[in-house]
Protein backbone atom coordinates (compact mmCIF):
# COMPACT_ATOMS: atom_id res chain seq x y z
CA MET A 1 -50.95 91.73 -10.40
CA ASN A 2 -50.21 88.43 -8.69
CA SER A 3 -47.23 87.00 -10.57
CA THR A 4 -47.47 83.73 -8.66
CA LYS A 5 -50.93 82.90 -9.99
CA PRO A 6 -50.82 79.34 -11.33
CA MET A 7 -51.04 78.74 -15.05
CA GLU A 8 -54.50 77.83 -16.26
CA ALA A 9 -54.50 74.25 -17.44
CA PRO A 10 -55.67 73.68 -21.03
CA GLY A 11 -58.77 71.58 -21.47
CA PRO A 12 -58.98 68.32 -23.41
CA LEU A 13 -58.56 68.40 -27.17
CA LYS A 14 -61.38 67.46 -29.54
CA PHE A 15 -61.98 66.17 -33.05
CA GLY A 16 -60.37 68.63 -35.46
CA SER A 17 -57.93 70.08 -32.91
CA VAL A 18 -54.69 71.28 -34.47
CA LEU A 19 -51.37 69.71 -33.44
CA GLY A 20 -48.24 71.65 -34.32
CA LEU A 21 -45.06 69.66 -35.00
CA CYS A 22 -41.73 70.67 -33.54
CA ALA A 23 -38.29 69.04 -33.78
CA PRO A 24 -36.32 69.93 -30.62
CA SER A 25 -33.84 67.09 -30.93
CA ALA A 26 -32.31 64.97 -33.67
CA HIS A 27 -33.11 65.01 -37.35
CA PHE A 28 -35.78 62.47 -38.25
CA ASP A 29 -36.64 60.00 -40.97
CA THR A 30 -39.07 61.85 -43.25
CA GLU A 31 -40.86 58.68 -44.33
CA LYS A 32 -41.52 57.71 -40.72
CA LEU A 33 -42.65 61.26 -39.96
CA ASN A 34 -45.16 61.15 -42.79
CA MET A 35 -46.43 57.76 -41.60
CA GLY A 36 -46.87 59.21 -38.11
CA ILE A 37 -48.70 62.25 -39.45
CA HIS A 38 -51.03 59.90 -41.34
CA VAL A 39 -51.89 58.10 -38.08
CA LEU A 40 -52.56 61.42 -36.31
CA LYS A 41 -54.82 62.61 -39.15
CA ASN A 42 -56.75 59.33 -39.01
CA LEU A 43 -57.41 60.05 -35.33
CA GLY A 44 -59.13 63.29 -36.37
CA PHE A 45 -56.39 65.84 -35.70
CA GLU A 46 -55.34 68.60 -38.05
CA ILE A 47 -51.56 68.82 -38.36
CA LYS A 48 -49.39 71.90 -38.88
CA VAL A 49 -45.88 71.12 -40.11
CA PRO A 50 -43.53 74.13 -40.00
CA GLU A 51 -41.00 74.09 -42.84
CA GLU A 52 -38.17 74.82 -40.39
CA ILE A 53 -38.33 71.34 -38.83
CA PHE A 54 -36.73 69.86 -41.97
CA LYS A 55 -33.49 71.78 -41.51
CA LYS A 56 -30.31 69.92 -40.56
CA LYS A 57 -27.20 70.72 -38.56
CA ARG A 58 -24.96 67.71 -38.00
CA TYR A 59 -27.26 65.19 -36.25
CA LEU A 60 -29.74 67.91 -35.17
CA ALA A 61 -32.96 69.13 -36.79
CA GLY A 62 -31.47 72.57 -37.48
CA ASN A 63 -29.50 74.91 -35.26
CA ASP A 64 -30.51 75.66 -31.69
CA MET A 65 -32.34 78.92 -32.42
CA VAL A 66 -34.31 77.39 -35.28
CA ARG A 67 -35.47 74.46 -33.15
CA ALA A 68 -36.36 76.71 -30.20
CA ASN A 69 -38.16 79.31 -32.31
CA VAL A 70 -40.47 76.69 -33.79
CA ILE A 71 -41.65 75.83 -30.27
CA ASN A 72 -41.99 79.50 -29.29
CA GLN A 73 -44.03 80.21 -32.42
CA LEU A 74 -46.31 77.21 -31.93
CA PHE A 75 -47.07 78.25 -28.36
CA SER A 76 -47.84 81.83 -29.44
CA ASP A 77 -50.02 80.74 -32.39
CA PRO A 78 -53.70 80.84 -31.25
CA ASP A 79 -54.65 78.34 -33.96
CA ILE A 80 -52.48 75.61 -32.44
CA ASP A 81 -54.17 73.47 -29.78
CA GLY A 82 -51.28 71.17 -28.87
CA ILE A 83 -47.62 70.60 -29.73
CA ILE A 84 -45.97 67.26 -30.45
CA CYS A 85 -42.30 66.43 -30.98
CA ALA A 86 -41.15 64.82 -34.21
CA ARG A 87 -38.64 62.53 -32.47
CA GLY A 88 -36.23 62.32 -29.54
CA GLY A 89 -32.61 61.28 -29.70
CA PHE A 90 -30.39 64.16 -28.60
CA GLY A 91 -30.28 67.96 -28.60
CA ALA A 92 -33.32 69.10 -26.60
CA MET A 93 -31.19 70.35 -23.70
CA ARG A 94 -29.37 72.71 -26.05
CA ILE A 95 -32.50 74.78 -26.70
CA LEU A 96 -33.75 75.25 -23.11
CA GLU A 97 -31.93 78.59 -22.84
CA HIS A 98 -33.67 79.80 -26.00
CA LEU A 99 -37.27 78.93 -25.14
CA ASN A 100 -39.50 81.87 -24.27
CA TRP A 101 -40.93 80.80 -20.93
CA ASN A 102 -43.26 83.82 -20.74
CA ILE A 103 -44.86 82.91 -24.06
CA ILE A 104 -45.18 79.28 -22.98
CA LYS A 105 -46.80 80.28 -19.69
CA GLN A 106 -49.19 82.76 -21.29
CA ASN A 107 -50.39 80.29 -23.93
CA PRO A 108 -51.13 77.01 -22.15
CA LYS A 109 -51.46 74.00 -24.41
CA PRO A 110 -50.35 70.38 -24.04
CA PHE A 111 -46.77 69.60 -25.07
CA ILE A 112 -46.19 65.97 -26.07
CA GLY A 113 -43.03 63.91 -26.34
CA PHE A 114 -40.67 61.58 -24.51
CA SER A 115 -37.07 60.33 -24.38
CA ASP A 116 -34.68 63.25 -25.02
CA ASN A 117 -37.67 65.61 -24.83
CA THR A 118 -37.89 64.84 -21.10
CA ALA A 119 -35.70 67.95 -20.71
CA ILE A 120 -38.46 70.16 -22.14
CA LEU A 121 -41.33 68.33 -20.43
CA LEU A 122 -39.84 68.81 -16.97
CA SER A 123 -38.79 72.40 -17.63
CA ILE A 124 -42.30 73.34 -18.76
CA ILE A 125 -43.75 71.88 -15.57
CA ASP A 126 -41.25 73.59 -13.27
CA LYS A 127 -41.08 76.97 -15.03
CA THR A 128 -44.72 77.43 -16.05
CA GLY A 129 -46.87 74.87 -14.25
CA GLY A 130 -48.04 73.79 -17.70
CA LEU A 131 -49.53 70.48 -18.76
CA VAL A 132 -47.26 68.05 -20.57
CA ILE A 133 -47.84 64.55 -21.86
CA HIS A 134 -45.10 61.95 -21.74
CA GLY A 135 -46.15 60.11 -24.85
CA PRO A 136 -45.16 59.07 -28.37
CA ASN A 137 -43.19 61.29 -30.72
CA VAL A 138 -44.57 61.54 -34.26
CA VAL A 139 -42.11 59.04 -35.80
CA SER A 140 -43.11 56.55 -33.09
CA PHE A 141 -46.57 56.29 -34.63
CA ALA A 142 -45.06 54.76 -37.78
CA SER A 143 -44.86 51.44 -35.93
CA ALA A 144 -46.96 52.08 -32.82
CA SER A 145 -49.15 49.42 -31.26
CA GLN A 146 -52.90 49.98 -31.18
CA GLN A 147 -52.70 50.18 -27.38
CA THR A 148 -50.18 53.03 -27.70
CA ILE A 149 -52.40 54.88 -30.18
CA ASP A 150 -55.55 54.41 -28.09
CA SER A 151 -53.81 55.63 -24.94
CA PHE A 152 -52.51 58.72 -26.75
CA TYR A 153 -55.93 59.56 -28.17
CA ASN A 154 -57.83 59.01 -24.93
CA THR A 155 -55.28 61.00 -22.92
CA LEU A 156 -55.53 64.02 -25.24
CA MET A 157 -59.31 63.75 -25.23
CA GLY A 158 -59.41 63.67 -21.43
CA SER A 159 -60.99 60.22 -21.10
CA PHE A 160 -58.00 58.27 -19.75
CA ASP A 161 -57.72 58.63 -15.98
CA LYS A 162 -56.57 55.25 -14.64
CA ILE A 163 -53.95 52.67 -15.59
CA GLU A 164 -53.60 49.19 -14.19
CA VAL A 165 -50.01 47.99 -14.21
CA ILE A 166 -50.64 44.49 -15.54
CA ASN A 167 -47.16 42.98 -15.30
CA GLY A 168 -45.77 45.21 -12.57
CA GLN A 169 -43.40 44.15 -9.82
CA VAL A 170 -43.87 45.63 -6.36
CA ILE A 171 -40.43 46.62 -5.07
CA LYS A 172 -41.78 48.47 -2.04
CA SER A 173 -45.48 48.25 -1.22
CA GLY A 174 -47.67 51.17 -0.26
CA LYS A 175 -49.80 53.99 -1.60
CA CYS A 176 -49.20 57.69 -2.16
CA THR A 177 -50.45 60.87 -3.79
CA GLY A 178 -48.23 63.31 -5.63
CA VAL A 179 -47.51 65.20 -8.84
CA LEU A 180 -46.48 62.84 -11.64
CA LYS A 181 -43.09 63.88 -13.04
CA GLY A 182 -40.12 62.23 -14.68
CA GLY A 183 -39.05 60.54 -17.88
CA ASN A 184 -35.76 59.42 -19.33
CA ILE A 185 -33.13 58.72 -16.66
CA ALA A 186 -30.09 59.74 -18.75
CA THR A 187 -31.70 63.06 -19.68
CA ILE A 188 -32.67 63.82 -16.08
CA SER A 189 -29.16 63.06 -14.86
CA HIS A 190 -27.68 65.45 -17.42
CA LEU A 191 -29.85 68.28 -16.08
CA LEU A 192 -28.24 68.02 -12.65
CA GLY A 193 -26.26 71.10 -11.66
CA THR A 194 -27.96 73.32 -14.26
CA ARG A 195 -30.64 75.93 -13.71
CA PHE A 196 -33.02 73.45 -15.34
CA GLN A 197 -32.42 70.77 -12.73
CA PRO A 198 -35.89 69.34 -12.04
CA ASP A 199 -37.65 69.71 -8.71
CA PHE A 200 -39.18 66.40 -7.66
CA LYS A 201 -40.46 67.52 -4.27
CA ASN A 202 -43.89 65.96 -3.56
CA SER A 203 -43.73 64.04 -6.83
CA VAL A 204 -44.48 60.51 -7.91
CA LEU A 205 -41.36 59.92 -9.97
CA PHE A 206 -41.55 58.07 -13.29
CA LEU A 207 -38.32 56.64 -14.75
CA GLU A 208 -37.43 54.83 -17.99
CA ASP A 209 -34.51 54.43 -20.39
CA ILE A 210 -33.12 52.69 -23.47
CA GLY A 211 -29.73 51.28 -24.36
CA GLU A 212 -28.17 51.89 -20.94
CA PRO A 213 -26.57 48.89 -19.20
CA ALA A 214 -27.58 48.23 -15.62
CA TYR A 215 -24.36 49.65 -14.19
CA LYS A 216 -25.05 53.00 -15.88
CA ILE A 217 -28.64 53.02 -14.58
CA ASP A 218 -27.17 52.36 -11.14
CA ARG A 219 -24.64 55.16 -11.51
CA MET A 220 -27.17 57.73 -12.74
CA LEU A 221 -29.68 56.93 -10.00
CA THR A 222 -26.90 57.12 -7.41
CA GLN A 223 -25.89 60.52 -8.76
CA MET A 224 -29.48 61.77 -8.50
CA LYS A 225 -29.73 60.42 -4.98
CA MET A 226 -26.49 62.10 -3.91
CA ALA A 227 -27.74 65.36 -5.46
CA GLY A 228 -30.83 65.21 -3.23
CA LEU A 229 -33.39 64.74 -6.00
CA PHE A 230 -35.19 61.98 -4.10
CA ASN A 231 -35.35 63.61 -0.67
CA ALA A 232 -39.03 64.59 -0.79
CA ILE A 233 -40.55 62.31 -3.41
CA LYS A 234 -43.79 60.47 -2.64
CA GLY A 235 -43.33 57.35 -4.76
CA VAL A 236 -41.59 55.81 -7.76
CA ILE A 237 -42.93 53.98 -10.79
CA THR A 238 -40.66 52.72 -13.54
CA GLY A 239 -41.38 52.05 -17.17
CA ILE A 240 -39.59 50.13 -19.87
CA PHE A 241 -35.82 49.58 -19.84
CA LYS A 242 -35.33 48.57 -23.47
CA ASN A 243 -32.04 47.12 -24.69
CA CYS A 244 -30.47 47.65 -21.27
CA ASP A 245 -27.79 45.01 -20.64
CA ASN A 246 -28.31 43.03 -17.43
CA ASP A 247 -31.81 44.44 -17.08
CA ASP A 248 -32.54 41.63 -14.62
CA TYR A 249 -30.43 43.63 -12.14
CA ILE A 250 -32.58 46.76 -12.37
CA GLU A 251 -35.23 45.81 -9.81
CA GLU A 252 -32.48 44.99 -7.31
CA ILE A 253 -30.82 48.34 -8.04
CA LEU A 254 -34.12 50.17 -7.54
CA SER A 255 -34.63 48.37 -4.23
CA GLU A 256 -31.20 49.47 -3.00
CA ILE A 257 -31.48 53.07 -4.23
CA PHE A 258 -34.88 53.71 -2.62
CA GLU A 259 -34.48 51.45 0.42
CA GLU A 260 -34.06 54.31 2.90
CA TYR A 261 -37.16 56.19 1.72
CA ASN A 262 -40.57 55.38 3.12
CA ILE A 263 -42.27 55.35 -0.27
CA PRO A 264 -43.92 52.82 -2.60
CA VAL A 265 -41.89 51.65 -5.59
CA LEU A 266 -43.49 49.83 -8.53
CA SER A 267 -41.75 48.64 -11.71
CA GLY A 268 -42.90 47.24 -15.04
CA PHE A 269 -45.15 50.02 -16.33
CA ASP A 270 -45.76 49.98 -20.11
CA SER A 271 -44.44 53.44 -20.89
CA GLY A 272 -41.22 54.51 -22.57
CA HIS A 273 -39.27 52.92 -25.40
CA GLY A 274 -41.06 49.58 -25.45
CA LYS A 275 -43.60 48.27 -27.95
CA VAL A 276 -46.37 49.74 -25.80
CA ASN A 277 -45.87 53.38 -24.80
CA LEU A 278 -48.81 54.51 -22.70
CA SER A 279 -49.30 58.28 -22.52
CA LEU A 280 -48.95 59.99 -19.14
CA ARG A 281 -50.31 63.40 -18.18
CA MET A 282 -47.54 64.95 -16.10
CA GLY A 283 -47.51 67.98 -13.83
CA VAL A 284 -50.81 66.90 -12.25
CA ASP A 285 -51.68 64.85 -9.17
CA ILE A 286 -52.06 61.10 -9.25
CA LYS A 287 -52.79 58.41 -6.69
CA MET A 288 -50.56 55.34 -6.74
CA ASP A 289 -51.33 52.08 -4.97
CA THR A 290 -49.11 49.03 -5.32
CA LYS A 291 -51.59 46.50 -3.98
CA PRO A 292 -53.93 46.65 -6.97
CA ALA A 293 -50.97 48.08 -8.99
CA VAL A 294 -52.92 51.11 -10.17
CA ILE A 295 -52.16 54.75 -10.85
CA GLN A 296 -55.09 57.15 -11.11
CA TRP A 297 -55.26 60.82 -12.05
CA ILE A 298 -57.20 63.01 -9.60
């Protein structure tokens, strides 16, 4: 048996597909969760809500094994078509050691989340080759814009293959092709030096964050650079930097960090913690071109 055979990618979802809810990170607001579930049901999805996600331990949605086992069970359940995170916050890194990567690889289905859940998204890509979607958590739908909801729906249904970056800023011009990977900068930086450190070789790197002042963004990107994470990337696209003090410095910081690399760099993409959070299929190839400011899945 060829153990290196790539994981078969799951196909698009359809009306009536079942989304299983997990809570890998912080405990959530139940009212917002229910509002988010209502939005998902209105889109035509069936929702499975495991009772375990309502557990609490300090600021977490239950202890590490409980949170990990929910994900393992949802991947192994043949009646579940996709998995979506209740919220982000903090705690996802704690369960990486407890996820059953064989089960996840043997039962391919889209895993959806963002922010703190970047740790799981990137680990699924690197350890299984599986499809993940950097997109809204369930509580996000309680106040999501229609553009966010439409992007989520079309991405899951397989009809969203190109995004024009309307208000983007070209930091370094050019075009490239690579595997789209990335997410929350703080979470990525905290994976450095662990066995879950992401591999960004041949990737178009997506970056976003919330509540981090510019000097911390600078420090984290510098750390990643010194660790060699950027040595073989193909391009960079950045999303929203919400509530980041001195955010007017960020484009200058990006220019300095990536100056020595012969790659395109584009900022201002509507994905992350902003009002609009466009969904991104990650772990698959995209083309990026700064001149028309477009990314396209291929």
